[in-house]
Amino acid sequence: MKKLYRYLLLTAVAFSLAGHTAFASNKEAKHFLSNGDAKMKAGNPKEAISIYNKAIDYEPKLSRTNLSEVYFKRGYAKAALGDSEGAREDYRMSIQLDPTPKDAEAYYNRGIAKTALGDSEGAQVDFRRASMLGYNNARKMLHAKDTKNIPFDANFEADIYLNSGKEKLDKGDQKNALADFNKAIEYNNRLAAAYFYRGMIERTNGDNQGATADFKKAIEVDPTPSKAEAYYIRGRAKANAGDNEGALKDLTKALDLNPALGEAYTYRGKVKESMGDREGASADFKKAEKFNVVSK
């Protein structure tokens, strides 16, 4: 979560460098917003919040769109200070004030706000809309002005394509899912999950060589997972690469970190079954059923 907020913070600051055309009609508010952004860039979110508060004091003179941007950036500052609830309240207010954005930056900002609020599907819609309205050009400007942001921006883009690919794969659209996984890897060539899911598609289509290479790559790029899903992905990759012992360890670790990860019970059961442990496999399949996961 800290990494996400760090990314969001850096991205917000970088976007602020592109200018605040929405505030052109109100010099005082523009002044406060610019000063607040400067404080954020200098690593002083507490002072930035104080300045953003002054911008909000101009509410009678500001349009709802202008206020939306101020609340959005104050939410960033609160997130940087660990005030998650306060940040979410500001993000909600930002979305409420500007329900129909008219430019790329507004859609992009709303997409990030939705991400922080857990609305990943709505966020992806906004990110796509931002891209259609010229977000790619804005991103080039962002990179040119602050190269420190590139890794965070690229990783976030990779996650968007990864999630999009997974959704398409769930719907049976392998062709477009594969394109998304390829794109995710272009943005982040150490994204284990993208290699794993691409390997699954390759194996389904008879490309065993390509699948094996991707499963091995998925294991290689994430040698020390820190999350349950990462262990789950690596465990399945090891199983597909023929390393049942390693797969069993990773899937068990995934369940230690998240006992509610139903799919891990299913695949651990399959590994146990292939190793001759029918009793253990049966127990895992029964646990998977409790989470509405059917073993195949």
Protein backbone atom coordinates (compact mmCIF):
# COMPACT_ATOMS: atom_id res chain seq x y z
CA MET A 1 0.00 0.00 0.00
CA LYS A 2 2.87 2.38 0.82
CA LYS A 3 4.33 1.72 -2.63
CA LEU A 4 0.97 2.54 -4.24
CA TYR A 5 0.69 5.80 -2.32
CA ARG A 6 4.28 6.65 -3.21
CA TYR A 7 3.44 6.12 -6.85
CA LEU A 8 0.25 8.16 -6.59
CA LEU A 9 2.07 10.98 -4.87
CA LEU A 10 4.85 11.17 -7.45
CA THR A 11 2.41 10.98 -10.33
CA ALA A 12 0.25 13.76 -8.92
CA VAL A 13 3.22 16.04 -8.48
CA ALA A 14 4.46 15.31 -11.98
CA PHE A 15 1.07 16.03 -13.50
CA SER A 16 0.91 19.31 -11.64
CA LEU A 17 3.96 20.42 -13.61
CA ALA A 18 1.95 20.34 -16.82
CA GLY A 19 -0.05 23.36 -15.66
CA HIS A 20 -3.42 24.17 -14.14
CA THR A 21 -5.48 25.55 -16.99
CA ALA A 22 -8.71 24.95 -15.08
CA PHE A 23 -7.67 27.66 -12.61
CA ALA A 24 -6.81 30.30 -15.17
CA SER A 25 -9.88 32.31 -14.21
CA ASN A 26 -8.95 32.48 -10.53
CA LYS A 27 -5.44 33.70 -9.79
CA GLU A 28 -5.71 33.29 -6.01
CA ALA A 29 -6.79 29.66 -6.19
CA LYS A 30 -4.16 28.92 -8.84
CA HIS A 31 -1.54 30.47 -6.59
CA PHE A 32 -2.51 28.28 -3.64
CA LEU A 33 -2.63 25.14 -5.78
CA SER A 34 0.82 25.80 -7.24
CA ASN A 35 2.25 26.41 -3.79
CA GLY A 36 0.63 23.24 -2.49
CA ASP A 37 2.13 21.23 -5.35
CA ALA A 38 5.53 22.74 -4.61
CA LYS A 39 5.26 21.62 -0.98
CA MET A 40 4.34 18.12 -2.11
CA LYS A 41 7.32 17.98 -4.44
CA ALA A 42 9.55 19.13 -1.57
CA GLY A 43 8.21 16.30 0.59
CA ASN A 44 6.05 18.42 2.90
CA PRO A 45 2.51 17.00 2.62
CA LYS A 46 1.43 18.54 5.93
CA GLU A 47 2.16 22.05 4.69
CA ALA A 48 0.59 21.18 1.34
CA ILE A 49 -2.67 20.24 3.07
CA SER A 50 -2.73 23.61 4.84
CA ILE A 51 -2.33 25.37 1.50
CA TYR A 52 -4.93 23.20 -0.26
CA ASN A 53 -7.32 24.07 2.58
CA LYS A 54 -6.90 27.74 1.68
CA ALA A 55 -7.70 26.95 -1.95
CA ILE A 56 -10.90 25.22 -0.81
CA ASP A 57 -11.82 28.37 1.12
CA TYR A 58 -12.36 29.92 -2.31
CA GLU A 59 -15.25 27.51 -2.88
CA PRO A 60 -17.85 30.26 -3.62
CA LYS A 61 -15.65 31.47 -6.48
CA LEU A 62 -14.63 28.08 -7.88
CA SER A 63 -16.38 25.75 -10.29
CA ARG A 64 -17.11 22.17 -9.26
CA THR A 65 -14.36 21.04 -11.64
CA ASN A 66 -11.82 23.29 -9.95
CA LEU A 67 -12.84 22.07 -6.51
CA SER A 68 -12.59 18.48 -7.69
CA GLU A 69 -8.91 18.96 -8.52
CA VAL A 70 -8.18 20.55 -5.15
CA TYR A 71 -9.88 17.75 -3.21
CA PHE A 72 -8.05 15.19 -5.32
CA LYS A 73 -4.64 16.66 -4.56
CA ARG A 74 -5.43 17.14 -0.88
CA GLY A 75 -6.34 13.47 -0.83
CA TYR A 76 -2.85 12.68 -2.14
CA ALA A 77 -1.29 14.70 0.64
CA LYS A 78 -3.37 12.95 3.29
CA ALA A 79 -2.44 9.57 1.87
CA ALA A 80 1.24 10.50 2.07
CA LEU A 81 0.77 11.19 5.79
CA GLY A 82 -0.93 7.84 6.35
CA ASP A 83 -4.42 9.32 6.73
CA SER A 84 -6.09 6.71 4.54
CA GLU A 85 -9.64 7.50 5.62
CA GLY A 86 -9.18 11.22 5.12
CA ALA A 87 -7.68 10.56 1.69
CA ARG A 88 -10.63 8.37 0.70
CA GLU A 89 -13.09 11.06 1.82
CA ASP A 90 -11.33 13.62 -0.38
CA TYR A 91 -11.22 11.20 -3.32
CA ARG A 92 -14.96 10.57 -2.98
CA MET A 93 -15.61 14.31 -2.89
CA SER A 94 -13.40 14.80 -5.96
CA ILE A 95 -15.39 12.22 -7.92
CA GLN A 96 -18.72 13.61 -6.71
CA LEU A 97 -17.84 17.17 -7.71
CA ASP A 98 -16.79 16.25 -11.25
CA PRO A 99 -18.85 13.20 -12.36
CA THR A 100 -18.33 13.91 -16.07
CA PRO A 101 -14.71 15.03 -16.69
CA LYS A 102 -13.98 16.86 -19.91
CA ASP A 103 -10.21 16.45 -20.31
CA ALA A 104 -7.54 13.75 -20.12
CA GLU A 105 -6.00 14.91 -16.85
CA ALA A 106 -9.36 14.92 -15.05
CA TYR A 107 -10.13 11.38 -16.23
CA TYR A 108 -6.64 10.27 -15.25
CA ASN A 109 -6.97 11.80 -11.78
CA ARG A 110 -10.39 10.24 -11.30
CA GLY A 111 -8.98 6.87 -12.34
CA ILE A 112 -6.33 7.08 -9.63
CA ALA A 113 -8.94 8.13 -7.07
CA LYS A 114 -11.09 5.14 -8.00
CA THR A 115 -8.06 2.86 -7.70
CA ALA A 116 -7.47 4.09 -4.15
CA LEU A 117 -11.16 3.50 -3.37
CA GLY A 118 -10.99 -0.08 -4.65
CA ASP A 119 -12.98 0.49 -7.86
CA SER A 120 -10.45 -1.09 -10.23
CA GLU A 121 -12.99 -1.63 -13.01
CA GLY A 122 -14.13 2.00 -12.95
CA ALA A 123 -10.50 3.11 -12.80
CA GLN A 124 -9.61 1.17 -15.95
CA VAL A 125 -12.50 2.78 -17.81
CA ASP A 126 -11.25 6.23 -16.80
CA PHE A 127 -7.64 5.44 -17.72
CA ARG A 128 -8.74 4.29 -21.18
CA ARG A 129 -10.80 7.46 -21.62
CA ALA A 130 -7.81 9.57 -20.53
CA SER A 131 -5.68 7.80 -23.13
CA MET A 132 -8.25 8.48 -25.85
CA LEU A 133 -8.21 12.17 -24.93
CA GLY A 134 -4.43 12.47 -25.13
CA TYR A 135 -3.07 11.04 -21.90
CA ASN A 136 -0.12 9.52 -23.78
CA ASN A 137 1.14 12.98 -24.70
CA ALA A 138 0.75 14.14 -21.12
CA ARG A 139 2.70 11.11 -19.96
CA LYS A 140 5.61 11.99 -22.28
CA MET A 141 5.66 15.44 -20.74
CA LEU A 142 5.58 13.87 -17.28
CA HIS A 143 8.60 11.72 -18.08
CA ALA A 144 10.54 14.56 -19.62
CA LYS A 145 10.06 16.76 -16.55
CA ASP A 146 10.71 14.17 -13.85
CA THR A 147 12.48 10.97 -14.87
CA LYS A 148 12.25 9.67 -11.29
CA ASN A 149 8.62 8.86 -11.98
CA ILE A 150 9.21 6.47 -14.85
CA PRO A 151 9.47 3.21 -12.85
CA PHE A 152 6.33 3.97 -10.87
CA ASP A 153 4.37 5.02 -13.94
CA ALA A 154 5.54 2.00 -15.94
CA ASN A 155 4.71 -0.45 -13.15
CA PHE A 156 1.26 1.01 -12.74
CA GLU A 157 0.63 0.77 -16.48
CA ALA A 158 1.80 -2.86 -16.34
CA ASP A 159 -0.68 -3.64 -13.58
CA ILE A 160 -3.50 -2.13 -15.63
CA TYR A 161 -2.67 -4.35 -18.63
CA LEU A 162 -2.23 -7.37 -16.34
CA ASN A 163 -5.69 -6.94 -14.83
CA SER A 164 -7.22 -6.29 -18.23
CA GLY A 165 -5.59 -9.46 -19.57
CA LYS A 166 -6.88 -11.54 -16.67
CA GLU A 167 -10.43 -10.27 -17.24
CA LYS A 168 -10.24 -11.13 -20.95
CA LEU A 169 -8.77 -14.55 -20.17
CA ASP A 170 -11.63 -15.26 -17.77
CA LYS A 171 -14.03 -14.46 -20.62
CA GLY A 172 -12.19 -16.81 -23.00
CA ASP A 173 -10.71 -14.04 -25.14
CA GLN A 174 -7.20 -15.51 -25.33
CA LYS A 175 -6.03 -13.44 -28.30
CA ASN A 176 -6.62 -10.06 -26.69
CA ALA A 177 -5.59 -11.35 -23.27
CA LEU A 178 -2.25 -12.39 -24.76
CA ALA A 179 -1.81 -8.93 -26.26
CA ASP A 180 -2.43 -7.38 -22.84
CA PHE A 181 0.06 -9.67 -21.10
CA ASN A 182 2.66 -8.84 -23.76
CA LYS A 183 2.03 -5.15 -23.14
CA ALA A 184 2.29 -5.63 -19.37
CA ILE A 185 5.70 -7.24 -19.83
CA GLU A 186 6.81 -4.38 -22.08
CA TYR A 187 6.10 -1.96 -19.21
CA ASN A 188 7.49 -4.22 -16.48
CA ASN A 189 9.66 -7.15 -17.52
CA ARG A 190 9.77 -8.41 -13.94
CA LEU A 191 6.02 -8.90 -13.57
CA ALA A 192 5.83 -12.62 -12.73
CA ALA A 193 2.06 -12.92 -13.08
CA ALA A 194 2.16 -11.67 -16.69
CA TYR A 195 4.68 -14.35 -17.64
CA PHE A 196 2.63 -16.99 -15.86
CA TYR A 197 -0.69 -16.16 -17.55
CA ARG A 198 1.02 -15.78 -20.92
CA GLY A 199 2.51 -19.24 -20.36
CA MET A 200 -0.94 -20.65 -19.63
CA ILE A 201 -2.23 -19.34 -22.97
CA GLU A 202 0.82 -20.66 -24.81
CA ARG A 203 0.41 -24.11 -23.27
CA THR A 204 -3.29 -24.18 -24.17
CA ASN A 205 -2.38 -23.37 -27.78
CA GLY A 206 0.26 -26.09 -27.97
CA ASP A 207 3.32 -23.86 -27.62
CA ASN A 208 4.94 -25.96 -24.90
CA GLN A 209 8.39 -24.47 -25.46
CA GLY A 210 7.12 -20.93 -25.05
CA ALA A 211 5.03 -21.91 -22.05
CA THR A 212 7.96 -23.57 -20.30
CA ALA A 213 10.15 -20.52 -20.91
CA ASP A 214 7.50 -18.21 -19.46
CA PHE A 215 6.88 -20.40 -16.40
CA LYS A 216 10.62 -20.41 -15.68
CA LYS A 217 10.73 -16.65 -16.19
CA ALA A 218 7.86 -16.17 -13.74
CA ILE A 219 9.89 -18.04 -11.11
CA GLU A 220 13.12 -16.21 -11.94
CA VAL A 221 11.82 -12.64 -11.74
CA ASP A 222 10.17 -13.06 -8.32
CA PRO A 223 12.54 -15.23 -6.24
CA THR A 224 11.30 -13.89 -2.90
CA PRO A 225 7.53 -13.24 -3.04
CA SER A 226 5.99 -11.14 -0.27
CA LYS A 227 2.29 -11.66 -0.96
CA ALA A 228 -0.02 -14.67 -0.99
CA GLU A 229 -0.98 -14.21 -4.64
CA ALA A 230 2.68 -14.03 -5.65
CA TYR A 231 3.40 -17.35 -3.93
CA TYR A 232 0.29 -18.79 -5.55
CA ILE A 233 1.44 -17.68 -9.01
CA ARG A 234 4.96 -18.98 -8.46
CA GLY A 235 3.62 -22.26 -7.06
CA ARG A 236 1.54 -22.87 -10.16
CA ALA A 237 4.46 -21.91 -12.37
CA LYS A 238 6.68 -24.44 -10.59
CA ALA A 239 4.02 -27.13 -10.95
CA ASN A 240 3.81 -26.46 -14.67
CA ALA A 241 7.61 -26.59 -14.86
CA GLY A 242 7.59 -30.02 -13.17
CA ASP A 243 8.83 -28.92 -9.74
CA ASN A 244 6.12 -30.45 -7.55
CA GLU A 245 8.08 -30.12 -4.31
CA GLY A 246 8.69 -26.42 -4.91
CA ALA A 247 5.08 -25.93 -5.97
CA LEU A 248 3.81 -27.58 -2.79
CA LYS A 249 5.93 -25.29 -0.63
CA ASP A 250 4.83 -22.12 -2.44
CA LEU A 251 1.13 -23.00 -2.43
CA THR A 252 1.31 -23.85 1.26
CA LYS A 253 3.04 -20.51 1.93
CA ALA A 254 0.31 -18.73 -0.04
CA LEU A 255 -2.32 -20.33 2.18
CA ASP A 256 -0.37 -19.46 5.31
CA LEU A 257 -0.50 -15.82 4.24
CA ASN A 258 -4.12 -15.98 3.06
CA PRO A 259 -6.18 -19.00 4.24
CA ALA A 260 -9.12 -17.74 2.16
CA LEU A 261 -7.30 -18.15 -1.17
CA GLY A 262 -9.56 -20.92 -2.44
CA GLU A 263 -7.76 -21.46 -5.75
CA ALA A 264 -4.57 -22.33 -3.87
CA TYR A 265 -6.32 -25.27 -2.19
CA THR A 266 -7.40 -26.53 -5.60
CA TYR A 267 -3.94 -26.42 -7.13
CA ARG A 268 -2.22 -27.70 -4.01
CA GLY A 269 -4.66 -30.60 -4.16
CA LYS A 270 -3.65 -31.27 -7.76
CA VAL A 271 0.02 -31.23 -6.81
CA LYS A 272 -0.58 -33.63 -3.93
CA GLU A 273 -2.60 -35.88 -6.23
CA SER A 274 0.23 -36.02 -8.76
CA MET A 275 2.61 -36.91 -5.92
CA GLY A 276 0.41 -39.80 -4.81
CA ASP A 277 -1.04 -38.11 -1.72
CA ARG A 278 -4.70 -38.81 -2.48
CA GLU A 279 -5.86 -38.23 1.08
CA GLY A 280 -4.18 -34.83 1.24
CA ALA A 281 -5.50 -33.94 -2.20
CA SER A 282 -9.06 -34.85 -1.21
CA ALA A 283 -8.81 -32.67 1.90
CA ASP A 284 -7.65 -29.69 -0.18
CA PHE A 285 -10.40 -30.15 -2.76
CA LYS A 286 -13.00 -30.15 0.03
CA LYS A 287 -11.55 -26.91 1.43
CA ALA A 288 -11.64 -25.37 -2.04
CA GLU A 289 -15.34 -26.18 -2.33
CA LYS A 290 -16.01 -24.11 0.80
CA PHE A 291 -14.80 -21.11 -1.18
CA ASN A 292 -16.94 -22.05 -4.19
CA VAL A 293 -13.89 -23.15 -6.15
CA VAL A 294 -14.51 -26.31 -8.17
CA SER A 295 -11.53 -28.56 -8.85
CA LYS A 296 -11.02 -29.33 -12.53
